[in-house]
Each structure stands twice: as structure tokens, then as C-alpha cells.
Amino acid sequence: MAYVSKWRFARITARKARLLTDLIRNKPVEEALDLLKFNKKRGAIMVAKVLKSAIANADAKEADTESLFVSATFCDDGPIMKRFMPKDRGKSFSIFKRLCHITVEVDEGSPKLTKAQRRKADIRAGRLAKKKPAAGEKKTEAAVESK
């Protein structure tokens, strides 16, 4: 079952918030919170608040918060507040203050990976398995084999 949280009429453009929602999609919630915590964009705080709210919604419905992952995130355009800036000689320029709707959905289990994402994960796991042991470990293994 998916647990959804929304922030409607957030004072940020959808284009800026979409960069952050795309960043955390299909990630475990702990990793997603860390990504947002150390991101220096202003919208990271907003997206993190929505994500924490979705986690709290899952916890309220007695879901296992350790196995949650971000299943869907999207950011839609909201209304535009139109203002104007007076300029010299009677001119004025329009200012558009754009709003957006941020939506985060978390779910229990593991994320559904595409073929390319699965291939990347397999390559990464293979590299970790082939990783060379530290220099101190090699000497002890060589000493054991020679005896």
C-alpha cells in the first residue's frame, strides 16, 4: 500500500523542485533523506518535509518504516501570482511568482528497477566482490599459504 504526502501551493517553481524529486525517486527513505539533507538547493528542505510527512503517514498506519522506499515523486505546476515592477518613464515589467504542488509517495518493499538499473546494480555488486583486500591482509594470507 502506498503512503502519499502532498505540499500544495509551495513557493518554488516546479522546474527547480523537479530536480530534487527526480533525485530521490526509487531510493530507500534513509538514503533519500541523506541526499536531501546534504543538497544545497533551497527546495531540498521543502521536498524533505514532504518526504518526512509521507514517512509519518506510513508510521501512523503501522507500516514497517525500515523497509520503506520512495516509489513515486512528482512536481506539478501550480497557479501563478502575477505582479509588476514599475520602471522609468511610465513603463512596467511583469513578474511571475510561480507555485507548485510537490507529491511524494512511499511504499513498503524494494523498488522496481528497470533493466538498465538492475545491470548497474549487478556490476556494482561484482566490483565489490572483486575488491582487493588491504595490504595487511595479503601478507597474512601469503604467510598462511607458505606454511
C-alpha atoms as a PDB file:
ATOM      1  CA  MET A   1       0.000   0.000   0.000  1.00  0.00           C
ATOM      2  CA  ALA A   2       1.346   3.421  -0.945  1.00  0.00           C
ATOM      3  CA  TYR A   3       1.502   6.281   1.560  1.00  0.00           C
ATOM      4  CA  VAL A   4       1.172   9.719  -0.028  1.00  0.00           C
ATOM      5  CA  SER A   5       2.011  13.210   1.143  1.00  0.00           C
ATOM      6  CA  LYS A   6       1.474  16.476  -0.759  1.00  0.00           C
ATOM      7  CA  TRP A   7       2.537  20.076  -0.373  1.00  0.00           C
ATOM      8  CA  ARG A   8       0.185  22.199  -2.407  1.00  0.00           C
ATOM      9  CA  PHE A   9       0.984  25.801  -3.383  1.00  0.00           C
ATOM     10  CA  ALA A  10       4.673  25.551  -2.444  1.00  0.00           C
ATOM     11  CA  ARG A  11       6.507  28.836  -3.105  1.00  0.00           C
ATOM     12  CA  ILE A  12       9.046  27.414  -5.545  1.00  0.00           C
ATOM     13  CA  THR A  13       8.925  26.811  -9.274  1.00  0.00           C
ATOM     14  CA  ALA A  14       8.123  23.300 -10.418  1.00  0.00           C
ATOM     15  CA  ARG A  15      11.240  23.254 -12.580  1.00  0.00           C
ATOM     16  CA  LYS A  16      13.506  23.736  -9.543  1.00  0.00           C
ATOM     17  CA  ALA A  17      11.636  21.277  -7.319  1.00  0.00           C
ATOM     18  CA  ARG A  18      11.501  18.651 -10.082  1.00  0.00           C
ATOM     19  CA  LEU A  19      15.302  18.343  -9.979  1.00  0.00           C
ATOM     20  CA  LEU A  20      15.073  17.235  -6.358  1.00  0.00           C
ATOM     21  CA  THR A  21      12.080  14.940  -6.727  1.00  0.00           C
ATOM     22  CA  ASP A  22      13.828  13.141  -9.592  1.00  0.00           C
ATOM     23  CA  LEU A  23      16.900  12.744  -7.379  1.00  0.00           C
ATOM     24  CA  ILE A  24      15.140  10.703  -4.674  1.00  0.00           C
ATOM     25  CA  ARG A  25      12.850   8.538  -6.810  1.00  0.00           C
ATOM     26  CA  ASN A  26      13.281   4.728  -6.278  1.00  0.00           C
ATOM     27  CA  LYS A  27      15.626   5.196  -3.305  1.00  0.00           C
ATOM     28  CA  PRO A  28      15.243   3.905   0.285  1.00  0.00           C
ATOM     29  CA  VAL A  29      13.890   6.626   2.554  1.00  0.00           C
ATOM     30  CA  GLU A  30      17.081   6.868   4.655  1.00  0.00           C
ATOM     31  CA  GLU A  31      19.200   7.399   1.544  1.00  0.00           C
ATOM     32  CA  ALA A  32      16.686   9.900   0.137  1.00  0.00           C
ATOM     33  CA  LEU A  33      16.715  11.926   3.366  1.00  0.00           C
ATOM     34  CA  ASP A  34      20.528  11.961   3.358  1.00  0.00           C
ATOM     35  CA  LEU A  35      20.598  13.145  -0.265  1.00  0.00           C
ATOM     36  CA  LEU A  36      18.233  15.991   0.554  1.00  0.00           C
ATOM     37  CA  LYS A  37      19.982  16.862   3.814  1.00  0.00           C
ATOM     38  CA  PHE A  38      23.324  17.458   2.105  1.00  0.00           C
ATOM     39  CA  ASN A  39      21.921  19.131  -1.019  1.00  0.00           C
ATOM     40  CA  LYS A  40      22.469  22.887  -1.043  1.00  0.00           C
ATOM     41  CA  LYS A  41      19.389  23.805  -3.093  1.00  0.00           C
ATOM     42  CA  ARG A  42      16.639  25.739  -1.301  1.00  0.00           C
ATOM     43  CA  GLY A  43      13.936  23.318  -2.417  1.00  0.00           C
ATOM     44  CA  ALA A  44      15.663  20.375  -0.719  1.00  0.00           C
ATOM     45  CA  ILE A  45      14.203  21.500   2.614  1.00  0.00           C
ATOM     46  CA  MET A  46      10.700  21.572   1.128  1.00  0.00           C
ATOM     47  CA  VAL A  47      10.961  18.139  -0.504  1.00  0.00           C
ATOM     48  CA  ALA A  48      12.457  16.704   2.713  1.00  0.00           C
ATOM     49  CA  LYS A  49       9.466  17.986   4.702  1.00  0.00           C
ATOM     50  CA  VAL A  50       7.061  16.273   2.306  1.00  0.00           C
ATOM     51  CA  LEU A  51       9.089  13.043   2.483  1.00  0.00           C
ATOM     52  CA  LYS A  52       9.102  13.116   6.304  1.00  0.00           C
ATOM     53  CA  SER A  53       5.343  13.644   6.240  1.00  0.00           C
ATOM     54  CA  ALA A  54       4.889  10.612   3.987  1.00  0.00           C
ATOM     55  CA  ILE A  55       7.037   8.527   6.358  1.00  0.00           C
ATOM     56  CA  ALA A  56       4.922   9.737   9.307  1.00  0.00           C
ATOM     57  CA  ASN A  57       1.741   8.790   7.398  1.00  0.00           C
ATOM     58  CA  ALA A  58       3.147   5.282   6.875  1.00  0.00           C
ATOM     59  CA  ASP A  59       4.101   5.047  10.538  1.00  0.00           C
ATOM     60  CA  ALA A  60       0.615   6.133  11.612  1.00  0.00           C
ATOM     61  CA  LYS A  61      -0.867   3.293   9.574  1.00  0.00           C
ATOM     62  CA  GLU A  62       1.588   0.882  11.262  1.00  0.00           C
ATOM     63  CA  ALA A  63       3.819   0.208   8.271  1.00  0.00           C
ATOM     64  CA  ASP A  64       7.401  -1.034   8.656  1.00  0.00           C
ATOM     65  CA  THR A  65       9.354   2.223   8.351  1.00  0.00           C
ATOM     66  CA  GLU A  66      12.681   0.366   7.920  1.00  0.00           C
ATOM     67  CA  SER A  67      11.615  -1.159   4.594  1.00  0.00           C
ATOM     68  CA  LEU A  68      10.123   1.976   3.009  1.00  0.00           C
ATOM     69  CA  PHE A  69      11.319   3.343  -0.324  1.00  0.00           C
ATOM     70  CA  VAL A  70      10.246   6.332  -2.416  1.00  0.00           C
ATOM     71  CA  SER A  71       8.004   4.765  -5.057  1.00  0.00           C
ATOM     72  CA  ALA A  72       6.827   7.898  -6.861  1.00  0.00           C
ATOM     73  CA  THR A  73       7.611  11.600  -6.755  1.00  0.00           C
ATOM     74  CA  PHE A  74       6.390  14.365  -8.978  1.00  0.00           C
ATOM     75  CA  CYS A  75       6.030  18.081  -9.042  1.00  0.00           C
ATOM     76  CA  ASP A  76       3.179  19.789 -10.886  1.00  0.00           C
ATOM     77  CA  ASP A  77       2.733  23.429 -11.797  1.00  0.00           C
ATOM     78  CA  GLY A  78       0.506  25.455  -9.527  1.00  0.00           C
ATOM     79  CA  PRO A  79      -1.089  28.848 -10.029  1.00  0.00           C
ATOM     80  CA  ILE A  80       0.985  31.878 -10.979  1.00  0.00           C
ATOM     81  CA  MET A  81       0.825  35.087  -8.955  1.00  0.00           C
ATOM     82  CA  LYS A  82       1.186  37.983 -11.369  1.00  0.00           C
ATOM     83  CA  ARG A  83       2.870  41.133 -10.122  1.00  0.00           C
ATOM     84  CA  PHE A  84       4.537  44.063 -11.846  1.00  0.00           C
ATOM     85  CA  MET A  85       7.653  46.126 -11.275  1.00  0.00           C
ATOM     86  CA  PRO A  86       7.367  49.828 -12.118  1.00  0.00           C
ATOM     87  CA  LYS A  87      10.177  51.116 -14.328  1.00  0.00           C
ATOM     88  CA  ASP A  88      11.265  54.510 -15.589  1.00  0.00           C
ATOM     89  CA  ARG A  89       9.234  56.695 -17.987  1.00  0.00           C
ATOM     90  CA  GLY A  90       5.920  55.027 -17.104  1.00  0.00           C
ATOM     91  CA  LYS A  91       6.895  51.503 -18.114  1.00  0.00           C
ATOM     92  CA  SER A  92       6.326  48.367 -16.066  1.00  0.00           C
ATOM     93  CA  PHE A  93       7.646  44.796 -16.313  1.00  0.00           C
ATOM     94  CA  SER A  94       5.695  41.686 -15.383  1.00  0.00           C
ATOM     95  CA  ILE A  95       6.864  39.422 -12.584  1.00  0.00           C
ATOM     96  CA  PHE A  96       5.520  35.861 -12.411  1.00  0.00           C
ATOM     97  CA  LYS A  97       5.737  34.247  -8.977  1.00  0.00           C
ATOM     98  CA  ARG A  98       5.229  30.576  -9.748  1.00  0.00           C
ATOM     99  CA  LEU A  99       3.880  27.988  -7.320  1.00  0.00           C
ATOM    100  CA  CYS A 100       3.937  24.194  -7.499  1.00  0.00           C
ATOM    101  CA  HIS A 101       2.444  21.072  -5.948  1.00  0.00           C
ATOM    102  CA  ILE A 102       5.032  18.590  -4.583  1.00  0.00           C
ATOM    103  CA  THR A 103       3.880  14.966  -4.180  1.00  0.00           C
ATOM    104  CA  VAL A 104       5.885  12.132  -2.586  1.00  0.00           C
ATOM    105  CA  GLU A 105       4.676   8.540  -2.356  1.00  0.00           C
ATOM    106  CA  VAL A 106       6.432   5.879  -0.251  1.00  0.00           C
ATOM    107  CA  ASP A 107       5.800   2.149  -0.276  1.00  0.00           C
ATOM    108  CA  GLU A 108       6.994  -0.941   1.565  1.00  0.00           C
ATOM    109  CA  GLY A 109       9.313  -3.480  -0.029  1.00  0.00           C
ATOM    110  CA  SER A 110      12.020  -2.928  -2.603  1.00  0.00           C
ATOM    111  CA  PRO A 111      11.988  -0.518  -5.558  1.00  0.00           C
ATOM    112  CA  LYS A 112      11.069  -1.732  -9.019  1.00  0.00           C
ATOM    113  CA  LEU A 113      14.206  -1.371 -11.105  1.00  0.00           C
ATOM    114  CA  THR A 114      14.448  -1.126 -14.857  1.00  0.00           C
ATOM    115  CA  LYS A 115      16.717  -3.421 -16.827  1.00  0.00           C
ATOM    116  CA  ALA A 116      19.474  -0.805 -17.013  1.00  0.00           C
ATOM    117  CA  GLN A 117      19.270  -0.086 -13.278  1.00  0.00           C
ATOM    118  CA  ARG A 118      19.449  -3.813 -12.492  1.00  0.00           C
ATOM    119  CA  ARG A 119      22.512  -4.153 -14.731  1.00  0.00           C
ATOM    120  CA  LYS A 120      24.225  -1.245 -12.940  1.00  0.00           C
ATOM    121  CA  ALA A 121      23.475  -2.814  -9.550  1.00  0.00           C
ATOM    122  CA  ASP A 122      24.902  -6.178 -10.687  1.00  0.00           C
ATOM    123  CA  ILE A 123      28.067  -4.503 -11.986  1.00  0.00           C
ATOM    124  CA  ARG A 124      28.464  -2.618  -8.715  1.00  0.00           C
ATOM    125  CA  ALA A 125      27.996  -5.826  -6.686  1.00  0.00           C
ATOM    126  CA  GLY A 126      30.568  -7.620  -8.863  1.00  0.00           C
ATOM    127  CA  ARG A 127      33.100  -4.856  -8.332  1.00  0.00           C
ATOM    128  CA  LEU A 128      32.624  -5.021  -4.590  1.00  0.00           C
ATOM    129  CA  ALA A 129      33.120  -8.809  -4.647  1.00  0.00           C
ATOM    130  CA  LYS A 130      36.349  -8.491  -6.659  1.00  0.00           C
ATOM    131  CA  LYS A 131      37.674  -5.673  -4.498  1.00  0.00           C
ATOM    132  CA  LYS A 132      41.270  -6.311  -3.452  1.00  0.00           C
ATOM    133  CA  PRO A 133      41.897  -6.873   0.263  1.00  0.00           C
ATOM    134  CA  ALA A 134      44.030  -4.395   2.150  1.00  0.00           C
ATOM    135  CA  ALA A 135      47.839  -4.717   2.102  1.00  0.00           C
ATOM    136  CA  GLY A 136      47.979  -6.118   5.651  1.00  0.00           C
ATOM    137  CA  GLU A 137      45.546  -8.893   4.765  1.00  0.00           C
ATOM    138  CA  LYS A 138      47.608 -10.074   1.764  1.00  0.00           C
ATOM    139  CA  LYS A 139      50.713 -10.661   3.875  1.00  0.00           C
ATOM    140  CA  THR A 140      48.871 -12.789   6.386  1.00  0.00           C
ATOM    141  CA  GLU A 141      47.271 -14.904   3.640  1.00  0.00           C
ATOM    142  CA  ALA A 142      50.654 -15.404   1.916  1.00  0.00           C
ATOM    143  CA  ALA A 143      52.227 -16.380   5.234  1.00  0.00           C
ATOM    144  CA  VAL A 144      49.465 -18.933   5.876  1.00  0.00           C
ATOM    145  CA  GLU A 145      49.844 -20.458   2.405  1.00  0.00           C
ATOM    146  CA  SER A 146      53.634 -20.846   2.696  1.00  0.00           C
ATOM    147  CA  LYS A 147      53.332 -22.800   5.969  1.00  0.00           C
END
